Structures are given as C-alpha cells and as structure tokens.
Amino acid sequence: MATQAYCVKCKAKRDMEDEKQITMKNGQRALSGTCPVCGTKMFKIGGGRVTTAAAPKAKAGTGKPTKKSSSKAKAKTKSKTKRK
C-alpha cells in the first residue's frame, strides 16, 4: 500500500516506504514512514484505515449546542466597568 505524503527535505510528494499506522497522544491516527529518495522520516496525519473495531458512535443529543461561559471573561468585564 503506497500512501503519498509530503517530504520536507525533498519538498515534494512521494510514496512512503515502510509505512505503519500509529496513534498519536491525542488519539488521532496517523501514518509514519520513510522517503524512498532521501530516507527522511515522513508523517501523514489522519492517514490509513481502521484495522481494529470501529469507534463507538456518539450519543444522540437534543441537537442544541451548549454554550459554556468563562468565569475569567466575566471577571474581566466587571473589572473594566469599575474603572472610571
């Protein structure tokens, strides 16, 4: 399976060699491999197919987005109104 990724050293898109699917710290999937021309490590975020069980589906909500207000934002607005 030849996946194309951008080689930073060659400054061109090339097919990756020795590619393997990895999972980053934040849980996203990526492909890691080497450039066939210069041997530089290549990386493609979001590449590859799911080989394990599918991710759980999101629960159906009410459809209304919730808006969270920050206490810092409120504190800043109060402090600005006190200064006159």
PDB file of N, CA and C in Angstrom:
ATOM      1  N   MET A   1       0.850  -1.180   0.000  1.00  0.00           N
ATOM      2  CA  MET A   1       0.000   0.000   0.000  1.00  0.00           C
ATOM      3  C   MET A   1       0.892   1.237   0.000  1.00  0.00           C
ATOM      4  N   ALA A   2       0.892   1.976  -1.060  1.00  0.00           N
ATOM      5  CA  ALA A   2       1.743   3.152  -1.189  1.00  0.00           C
ATOM      6  C   ALA A   2       0.914   4.407  -0.930  1.00  0.00           C
ATOM      7  N   THR A   3       1.169   5.029   0.186  1.00  0.00           N
ATOM      8  CA  THR A   3       0.482   6.260   0.551  1.00  0.00           C
ATOM      9  C   THR A   3       1.392   7.437   0.240  1.00  0.00           C
ATOM     10  N   GLN A   4       0.832   8.457  -0.360  1.00  0.00           N
ATOM     11  CA  GLN A   4       1.619   9.639  -0.662  1.00  0.00           C
ATOM     12  C   GLN A   4       1.620  10.580   0.532  1.00  0.00           C
ATOM     13  N   ALA A   5       2.783  11.116   0.824  1.00  0.00           N
ATOM     14  CA  ALA A   5       2.951  12.098   1.892  1.00  0.00           C
ATOM     15  C   ALA A   5       3.987  13.110   1.424  1.00  0.00           C
ATOM     16  N   TYR A   6       4.040  14.254   2.092  1.00  0.00           N
ATOM     17  CA  TYR A   6       4.961  15.325   1.716  1.00  0.00           C
ATOM     18  C   TYR A   6       6.295  15.128   2.421  1.00  0.00           C
ATOM     19  N   CYS A   7       7.373  15.116   1.653  1.00  0.00           N
ATOM     20  CA  CYS A   7       8.728  15.032   2.215  1.00  0.00           C
ATOM     21  C   CYS A   7       9.238  16.455   2.395  1.00  0.00           C
ATOM     22  N   VAL A   8       9.586  16.798   3.612  1.00  0.00           N
ATOM     23  CA  VAL A   8      10.029  18.163   3.919  1.00  0.00           C
ATOM     24  C   VAL A   8      11.412  18.430   3.332  1.00  0.00           C
ATOM     25  N   LYS A   9      12.257  17.428   3.306  1.00  0.00           N
ATOM     26  CA  LYS A   9      13.613  17.609   2.798  1.00  0.00           C
ATOM     27  C   LYS A   9      13.626  17.731   1.270  1.00  0.00           C
ATOM     28  N   CYS A  10      12.879  16.851   0.577  1.00  0.00           N
ATOM     29  CA  CYS A  10      12.807  16.893  -0.890  1.00  0.00           C
ATOM     30  C   CYS A  10      11.860  17.986  -1.394  1.00  0.00           C
ATOM     31  N   LYS A  11      10.954  18.428  -0.539  1.00  0.00           N
ATOM     32  CA  LYS A  11       9.924  19.413  -0.878  1.00  0.00           C
ATOM     33  C   LYS A  11       9.040  18.925  -2.020  1.00  0.00           C
ATOM     34  N   ALA A  12       8.613  17.655  -1.915  1.00  0.00           N
ATOM     35  CA  ALA A  12       7.760  17.050  -2.937  1.00  0.00           C
ATOM     36  C   ALA A  12       6.937  15.941  -2.307  1.00  0.00           C
ATOM     37  N   LYS A  13       5.813  15.610  -2.963  1.00  0.00           N
ATOM     38  CA  LYS A  13       5.011  14.483  -2.508  1.00  0.00           C
ATOM     39  C   LYS A  13       5.627  13.203  -3.057  1.00  0.00           C
ATOM     40  N   ARG A  14       5.772  12.217  -2.181  1.00  0.00           N
ATOM     41  CA  ARG A  14       6.359  10.942  -2.574  1.00  0.00           C
ATOM     42  C   ARG A  14       5.597   9.806  -1.903  1.00  0.00           C
ATOM     43  N   ASP A  15       5.739   8.611  -2.455  1.00  0.00           N
ATOM     44  CA  ASP A  15       5.159   7.424  -1.835  1.00  0.00           C
ATOM     45  C   ASP A  15       6.013   7.033  -0.628  1.00  0.00           C
ATOM     46  N   MET A  16       5.350   6.751   0.491  1.00  0.00           N
ATOM     47  CA  MET A  16       6.060   6.367   1.709  1.00  0.00           C
ATOM     48  C   MET A  16       6.525   4.923   1.618  1.00  0.00           C
ATOM     49  N   GLU A  17       7.696   4.644   2.174  1.00  0.00           N
ATOM     50  CA  GLU A  17       8.188   3.282   2.317  1.00  0.00           C
ATOM     51  C   GLU A  17       8.100   2.896   3.786  1.00  0.00           C
ATOM     52  N   ASP A  18       7.960   1.616   4.052  1.00  0.00           N
ATOM     53  CA  ASP A  18       7.911   1.081   5.417  1.00  0.00           C
ATOM     54  C   ASP A  18       6.873   1.804   6.268  1.00  0.00           C
ATOM     55  N   GLU A  19       5.712   2.079   5.676  1.00  0.00           N
ATOM     56  CA  GLU A  19       4.697   2.835   6.416  1.00  0.00           C
ATOM     57  C   GLU A  19       4.023   1.944   7.449  1.00  0.00           C
ATOM     58  N   LYS A  20       3.690   2.573   8.569  1.00  0.00           N
ATOM     59  CA  LYS A  20       2.955   1.868   9.614  1.00  0.00           C
ATOM     60  C   LYS A  20       1.967   2.824  10.251  1.00  0.00           C
ATOM     61  N   GLN A  21       0.862   2.269  10.695  1.00  0.00           N
ATOM     62  CA  GLN A  21      -0.176   3.089  11.309  1.00  0.00           C
ATOM     63  C   GLN A  21       0.145   3.252  12.780  1.00  0.00           C
ATOM     64  N   ILE A  22       0.086   4.499  13.257  1.00  0.00           N
ATOM     65  CA  ILE A  22       0.341   4.788  14.666  1.00  0.00           C
ATOM     66  C   ILE A  22      -0.823   5.601  15.217  1.00  0.00           C
ATOM     67  N   THR A  23      -0.887   5.705  16.533  1.00  0.00           N
ATOM     68  CA  THR A  23      -1.871   6.539  17.203  1.00  0.00           C
ATOM     69  C   THR A  23      -1.127   7.605  17.992  1.00  0.00           C
ATOM     70  N   MET A  24      -1.487   8.863  17.765  1.00  0.00           N
ATOM     71  CA  MET A  24      -0.826   9.968  18.460  1.00  0.00           C
ATOM     72  C   MET A  24      -1.344  10.072  19.890  1.00  0.00           C
ATOM     73  N   LYS A  25      -0.718  10.933  20.688  1.00  0.00           N
ATOM     74  CA  LYS A  25      -1.100  11.109  22.085  1.00  0.00           C
ATOM     75  C   LYS A  25      -2.541  11.568  22.243  1.00  0.00           C
ATOM     76  N   ASN A  26      -3.041  12.346  21.285  1.00  0.00           N
ATOM     77  CA  ASN A  26      -4.407  12.855  21.383  1.00  0.00           C
ATOM     78  C   ASN A  26      -5.439  11.864  20.848  1.00  0.00           C
ATOM     79  N   GLY A  27      -5.005  10.673  20.410  1.00  0.00           N
ATOM     80  CA  GLY A  27      -5.926   9.643  19.961  1.00  0.00           C
ATOM     81  C   GLY A  27      -6.154   9.596  18.460  1.00  0.00           C
ATOM     82  N   GLN A  28      -5.639  10.556  17.717  1.00  0.00           N
ATOM     83  CA  GLN A  28      -5.816  10.560  16.269  1.00  0.00           C
ATOM     84  C   GLN A  28      -4.879   9.549  15.625  1.00  0.00           C
ATOM     85  N   ARG A  29      -5.323   8.975  14.518  1.00  0.00           N
ATOM     86  CA  ARG A  29      -4.490   8.030  13.778  1.00  0.00           C
ATOM     87  C   ARG A  29      -3.602   8.777  12.796  1.00  0.00           C
ATOM     88  N   ALA A  30      -2.446   8.198  12.505  1.00  0.00           N
ATOM     89  CA  ALA A  30      -1.521   8.783  11.546  1.00  0.00           C
ATOM     90  C   ALA A  30      -0.698   7.666  10.915  1.00  0.00           C
ATOM     91  N   LEU A  31      -0.032   7.984   9.814  1.00  0.00           N
ATOM     92  CA  LEU A  31       0.872   7.053   9.165  1.00  0.00           C
ATOM     93  C   LEU A  31       2.288   7.600   9.263  1.00  0.00           C
ATOM     94  N   SER A  32       3.227   6.714   9.543  1.00  0.00           N
ATOM     95  CA  SER A  32       4.622   7.088   9.651  1.00  0.00           C
ATOM     96  C   SER A  32       5.424   6.199   8.717  1.00  0.00           C
ATOM     97  N   GLY A  33       6.389   6.768   8.018  1.00  0.00           N
ATOM     98  CA  GLY A  33       7.210   6.001   7.084  1.00  0.00           C
ATOM     99  C   GLY A  33       8.462   6.776   6.723  1.00  0.00           C
ATOM    100  N   THR A  34       9.144   6.328   5.667  1.00  0.00           N
ATOM    101  CA  THR A  34      10.363   6.997   5.228  1.00  0.00           C
ATOM    102  C   THR A  34      10.254   7.371   3.753  1.00  0.00           C
ATOM    103  N   CYS A  35      11.004   8.393   3.373  1.00  0.00           N
ATOM    104  CA  CYS A  35      11.051   8.842   1.983  1.00  0.00           C
ATOM    105  C   CYS A  35      11.952   7.891   1.197  1.00  0.00           C
ATOM    106  N   PRO A  36      11.514   7.424   0.025  1.00  0.00           N
ATOM    107  CA  PRO A  36      12.334   6.493  -0.754  1.00  0.00           C
ATOM    108  C   PRO A  36      13.570   7.145  -1.378  1.00  0.00           C
ATOM    109  N   VAL A  37      13.579   8.469  -1.523  1.00  0.00           N
ATOM    110  CA  VAL A  37      14.693   9.157  -2.178  1.00  0.00           C
ATOM    111  C   VAL A  37      15.782   9.550  -1.175  1.00  0.00           C
ATOM    112  N   CYS A  38      15.391  10.245  -0.090  1.00  0.00           N
ATOM    113  CA  CYS A  38      16.395  10.768   0.836  1.00  0.00           C
ATOM    114  C   CYS A  38      16.432  10.032   2.178  1.00  0.00           C
ATOM    115  N   GLY A  39      15.406   9.235   2.484  1.00  0.00           N
ATOM    116  CA  GLY A  39      15.399   8.477   3.733  1.00  0.00           C
ATOM    117  C   GLY A  39      14.883   9.239   4.945  1.00  0.00           C
ATOM    118  N   THR A  40      14.363  10.435   4.726  1.00  0.00           N
ATOM    119  CA  THR A  40      13.820  11.239   5.813  1.00  0.00           C
ATOM    120  C   THR A  40      12.513  10.639   6.312  1.00  0.00           C
ATOM    121  N   LYS A  41      12.252  10.785   7.612  1.00  0.00           N
ATOM    122  CA  LYS A  41      11.011  10.277   8.190  1.00  0.00           C
ATOM    123  C   LYS A  41       9.844  11.127   7.686  1.00  0.00           C
ATOM    124  N   MET A  42       8.781  10.453   7.227  1.00  0.00           N
ATOM    125  CA  MET A  42       7.587  11.128   6.731  1.00  0.00           C
ATOM    126  C   MET A  42       6.427  10.827   7.662  1.00  0.00           C
ATOM    127  N   PHE A  43       5.455  11.710   7.682  1.00  0.00           N
ATOM    128  CA  PHE A  43       4.349  11.605   8.613  1.00  0.00           C
ATOM    129  C   PHE A  43       3.097  12.148   7.947  1.00  0.00           C
ATOM    130  N   LYS A  44       1.989  11.409   8.057  1.00  0.00           N
ATOM    131  CA  LYS A  44       0.731  11.868   7.489  1.00  0.00           C
ATOM    132  C   LYS A  44      -0.370  11.696   8.534  1.00  0.00           C
ATOM    133  N   ILE A  45      -0.934  12.804   8.984  1.00  0.00           N
ATOM    134  CA  ILE A  45      -1.982  12.776   9.998  1.00  0.00           C
ATOM    135  C   ILE A  45      -3.299  12.384   9.348  1.00  0.00           C
ATOM    136  N   GLY A  46      -4.032  11.496  10.008  1.00  0.00           N
ATOM    137  CA  GLY A  46      -5.338  11.076   9.523  1.00  0.00           C
ATOM    138  C   GLY A  46      -5.264  10.041   8.433  1.00  0.00           C
ATOM    139  N   GLY A  47      -4.096   9.553   8.133  1.00  0.00           N
ATOM    140  CA  GLY A  47      -3.951   8.564   7.078  1.00  0.00           C
ATOM    141  C   GLY A  47      -4.247   7.161   7.565  1.00  0.00           C
ATOM    142  N   GLY A  48      -4.502   6.283   6.644  1.00  0.00           N
ATOM    143  CA  GLY A  48      -4.696   4.874   6.976  1.00  0.00           C
ATOM    144  C   GLY A  48      -6.136   4.522   7.232  1.00  0.00           C
ATOM    145  N   ARG A  49      -6.387   3.228   7.301  1.00  0.00           N
ATOM    146  CA  ARG A  49      -7.730   2.732   7.554  1.00  0.00           C
ATOM    147  C   ARG A  49      -7.798   2.131   8.945  1.00  0.00           C
ATOM    148  N   VAL A  50      -8.980   2.017   9.451  1.00  0.00           N
ATOM    149  CA  VAL A  50      -9.171   1.422  10.762  1.00  0.00           C
ATOM    150  C   VAL A  50      -9.047  -0.087  10.619  1.00  0.00           C
ATOM    151  N   THR A  51      -8.105  -0.682  11.362  1.00  0.00           N
ATOM    152  CA  THR A  51      -7.922  -2.129  11.299  1.00  0.00           C
ATOM    153  C   THR A  51      -8.516  -2.821  12.513  1.00  0.00           C
ATOM    154  N   THR A  52      -8.832  -2.052  13.543  1.00  0.00           N
ATOM    155  CA  THR A  52      -9.430  -2.617  14.743  1.00  0.00           C
ATOM    156  C   THR A  52     -10.927  -2.344  14.738  1.00  0.00           C
ATOM    157  N   ALA A  53     -11.587  -2.610  15.848  1.00  0.00           N
ATOM    158  CA  ALA A  53     -13.027  -2.380  15.952  1.00  0.00           C
ATOM    159  C   ALA A  53     -13.342  -0.901  15.746  1.00  0.00           C
ATOM    160  N   ALA A  54     -14.514  -0.637  15.206  1.00  0.00           N
ATOM    161  CA  ALA A  54     -14.928   0.739  14.927  1.00  0.00           C
ATOM    162  C   ALA A  54     -15.101   1.516  16.229  1.00  0.00           C
ATOM    163  N   ALA A  55     -14.900   2.797  16.154  1.00  0.00           N
ATOM    164  CA  ALA A  55     -15.058   3.667  17.316  1.00  0.00           C
ATOM    165  C   ALA A  55     -16.525   3.738  17.706  1.00  0.00           C
ATOM    166  N   PRO A  56     -16.824   3.908  18.996  1.00  0.00           N
ATOM    167  CA  PRO A  56     -18.224   3.984  19.413  1.00  0.00           C
ATOM    168  C   PRO A  56     -18.898   5.227  18.852  1.00  0.00           C
ATOM    169  N   LYS A  57     -20.166   5.079  18.525  1.00  0.00           N
ATOM    170  CA  LYS A  57     -20.917   6.198  17.966  1.00  0.00           C
ATOM    171  C   LYS A  57     -21.270   7.192  19.054  1.00  0.00           C
ATOM    172  N   ALA A  58     -21.381   8.454  18.670  1.00  0.00           N
ATOM    173  CA  ALA A  58     -21.743   9.499  19.617  1.00  0.00           C
ATOM    174  C   ALA A  58     -23.220   9.364  19.980  1.00  0.00           C
ATOM    175  N   LYS A  59     -23.544   9.690  21.220  1.00  0.00           N
ATOM    176  CA  LYS A  59     -24.934   9.615  21.657  1.00  0.00           C
ATOM    177  C   LYS A  59     -25.736  10.739  21.028  1.00  0.00           C
ATOM    178  N   ALA A  60     -26.963  10.418  20.691  1.00  0.00           N
ATOM    179  CA  ALA A  60     -27.847  11.427  20.107  1.00  0.00           C
ATOM    180  C   ALA A  60     -28.282  12.385  21.206  1.00  0.00           C
ATOM    181  N   GLY A  61     -28.068  13.662  20.991  1.00  0.00           N
ATOM    182  CA  GLY A  61     -28.426  14.667  21.984  1.00  0.00           C
ATOM    183  C   GLY A  61     -29.702  15.386  21.589  1.00  0.00           C
ATOM    184  N   THR A  62     -29.931  16.508  22.219  1.00  0.00           N
ATOM    185  CA  THR A  62     -31.122  17.296  21.937  1.00  0.00           C
ATOM    186  C   THR A  62     -30.955  18.118  20.666  1.00  0.00           C
ATOM    187  N   GLY A  63     -29.715  18.197  20.175  1.00  0.00           N
ATOM    188  CA  GLY A  63     -29.474  18.956  18.962  1.00  0.00           C
ATOM    189  C   GLY A  63     -29.132  20.408  19.230  1.00  0.00           C
ATOM    190  N   LYS A  64     -29.239  20.814  20.484  1.00  0.00           N
ATOM    191  CA  LYS A  64     -28.909  22.189  20.841  1.00  0.00           C
ATOM    192  C   LYS A  64     -27.475  22.242  21.353  1.00  0.00           C
ATOM    193  N   PRO A  65     -26.641  23.094  20.786  1.00  0.00           N
ATOM    194  CA  PRO A  65     -25.280  23.212  21.297  1.00  0.00           C
ATOM    195  C   PRO A  65     -25.281  23.934  22.642  1.00  0.00           C
ATOM    196  N   THR A  66     -24.451  23.470  23.540  1.00  0.00           N
ATOM    197  CA  THR A  66     -24.364  24.115  24.846  1.00  0.00           C
ATOM    198  C   THR A  66     -23.260  25.157  24.798  1.00  0.00           C
ATOM    199  N   LYS A  67     -23.512  26.291  25.420  1.00  0.00           N
ATOM    200  CA  LYS A  67     -22.543  27.364  25.440  1.00  0.00           C
ATOM    201  C   LYS A  67     -22.027  27.503  26.864  1.00  0.00           C
ATOM    202  N   LYS A  68     -20.721  27.365  27.012  1.00  0.00           N
ATOM    203  CA  LYS A  68     -20.115  27.473  28.319  1.00  0.00           C
ATOM    204  C   LYS A  68     -19.531  28.875  28.464  1.00  0.00           C
ATOM    205  N   SER A  69     -19.817  29.501  29.574  1.00  0.00           N
ATOM    206  CA  SER A  69     -19.275  30.831  29.812  1.00  0.00           C
ATOM    207  C   SER A  69     -18.097  30.717  30.765  1.00  0.00           C
ATOM    208  N   SER A  70     -17.133  31.526  30.549  1.00  0.00           N
ATOM    209  CA  SER A  70     -15.921  31.508  31.347  1.00  0.00           C
ATOM    210  C   SER A  70     -16.031  32.493  32.494  1.00  0.00           C
ATOM    211  N   SER A  71     -15.599  32.070  33.660  1.00  0.00           N
ATOM    212  CA  SER A  71     -15.632  32.981  34.811  1.00  0.00           C
ATOM    213  C   SER A  71     -14.579  34.067  34.648  1.00  0.00           C
ATOM    214  N   LYS A  72     -13.495  33.781  33.916  1.00  0.00           N
ATOM    215  CA  LYS A  72     -12.467  34.785  33.671  1.00  0.00           C
ATOM    216  C   LYS A  72     -13.011  35.915  32.817  1.00  0.00           C
ATOM    217  N   ALA A  73     -13.823  35.570  31.826  1.00  0.00           N
ATOM    218  CA  ALA A  73     -14.397  36.585  30.952  1.00  0.00           C
ATOM    219  C   ALA A  73     -15.326  37.493  31.748  1.00  0.00           C
ATOM    220  N   LYS A  74     -16.084  36.913  32.656  1.00  0.00           N
ATOM    221  CA  LYS A  74     -16.974  37.716  33.492  1.00  0.00           C
ATOM    222  C   LYS A  74     -16.175  38.619  34.414  1.00  0.00           C
ATOM    223  N   ALA A  75     -15.078  38.105  34.954  1.00  0.00           N
ATOM    224  CA  ALA A  75     -14.257  38.899  35.858  1.00  0.00           C
ATOM    225  C   ALA A  75     -13.627  40.081  35.134  1.00  0.00           C
ATOM    226  N   LYS A  76     -13.216  39.888  33.907  1.00  0.00           N
ATOM    227  CA  LYS A  76     -12.610  40.961  33.136  1.00  0.00           C
ATOM    228  C   LYS A  76     -13.629  42.057  32.836  1.00  0.00           C
ATOM    229  N   THR A  77     -14.843  41.681  32.501  1.00  0.00           N
ATOM    230  CA  THR A  77     -15.840  42.692  32.177  1.00  0.00           C
ATOM    231  C   THR A  77     -16.247  43.476  33.422  1.00  0.00           C
ATOM    232  N   LYS A  78     -16.295  42.836  34.556  1.00  0.00           N
ATOM    233  CA  LYS A  78     -16.630  43.536  35.791  1.00  0.00           C
ATOM    234  C   LYS A  78     -15.534  44.506  36.176  1.00  0.00           C
ATOM    235  N   SER A  79     -14.280  44.095  36.021  1.00  0.00           N
ATOM    236  CA  SER A  79     -13.173  44.973  36.408  1.00  0.00           C
ATOM    237  C   SER A  79     -13.088  46.180  35.481  1.00  0.00           C
ATOM    238  N   LYS A  80     -13.463  46.040  34.236  1.00  0.00           N
ATOM    239  CA  LYS A  80     -13.419  47.172  33.315  1.00  0.00           C
ATOM    240  C   LYS A  80     -14.508  48.190  33.626  1.00  0.00           C
ATOM    241  N   THR A  81     -15.665  47.734  34.067  1.00  0.00           N
ATOM    242  CA  THR A  81     -16.738  48.667  34.361  1.00  0.00           C
ATOM    243  C   THR A  81     -16.494  49.426  35.647  1.00  0.00           C
ATOM    244  N   LYS A  82     -15.739  48.870  36.584  1.00  0.00           N
ATOM    245  CA  LYS A  82     -15.454  49.557  37.838  1.00  0.00           C
ATOM    246  C   LYS A  82     -14.477  50.707  37.647  1.00  0.00           C
ATOM    247  N   ARG A  83     -13.595  50.599  36.664  1.00  0.00           N
ATOM    248  CA  ARG A  83     -12.623  51.657  36.421  1.00  0.00           C
ATOM    249  C   ARG A  83     -13.277  52.808  35.677  1.00  0.00           C
ATOM    250  N   LYS A  84     -13.327  53.938  36.293  1.00  0.00           N
ATOM    251  CA  LYS A  84     -13.870  55.128  35.625  1.00  0.00           C
ATOM    252  C   LYS A  84     -13.114  56.355  36.013  1.00  0.00           C
TER     253      LYS A  84
END
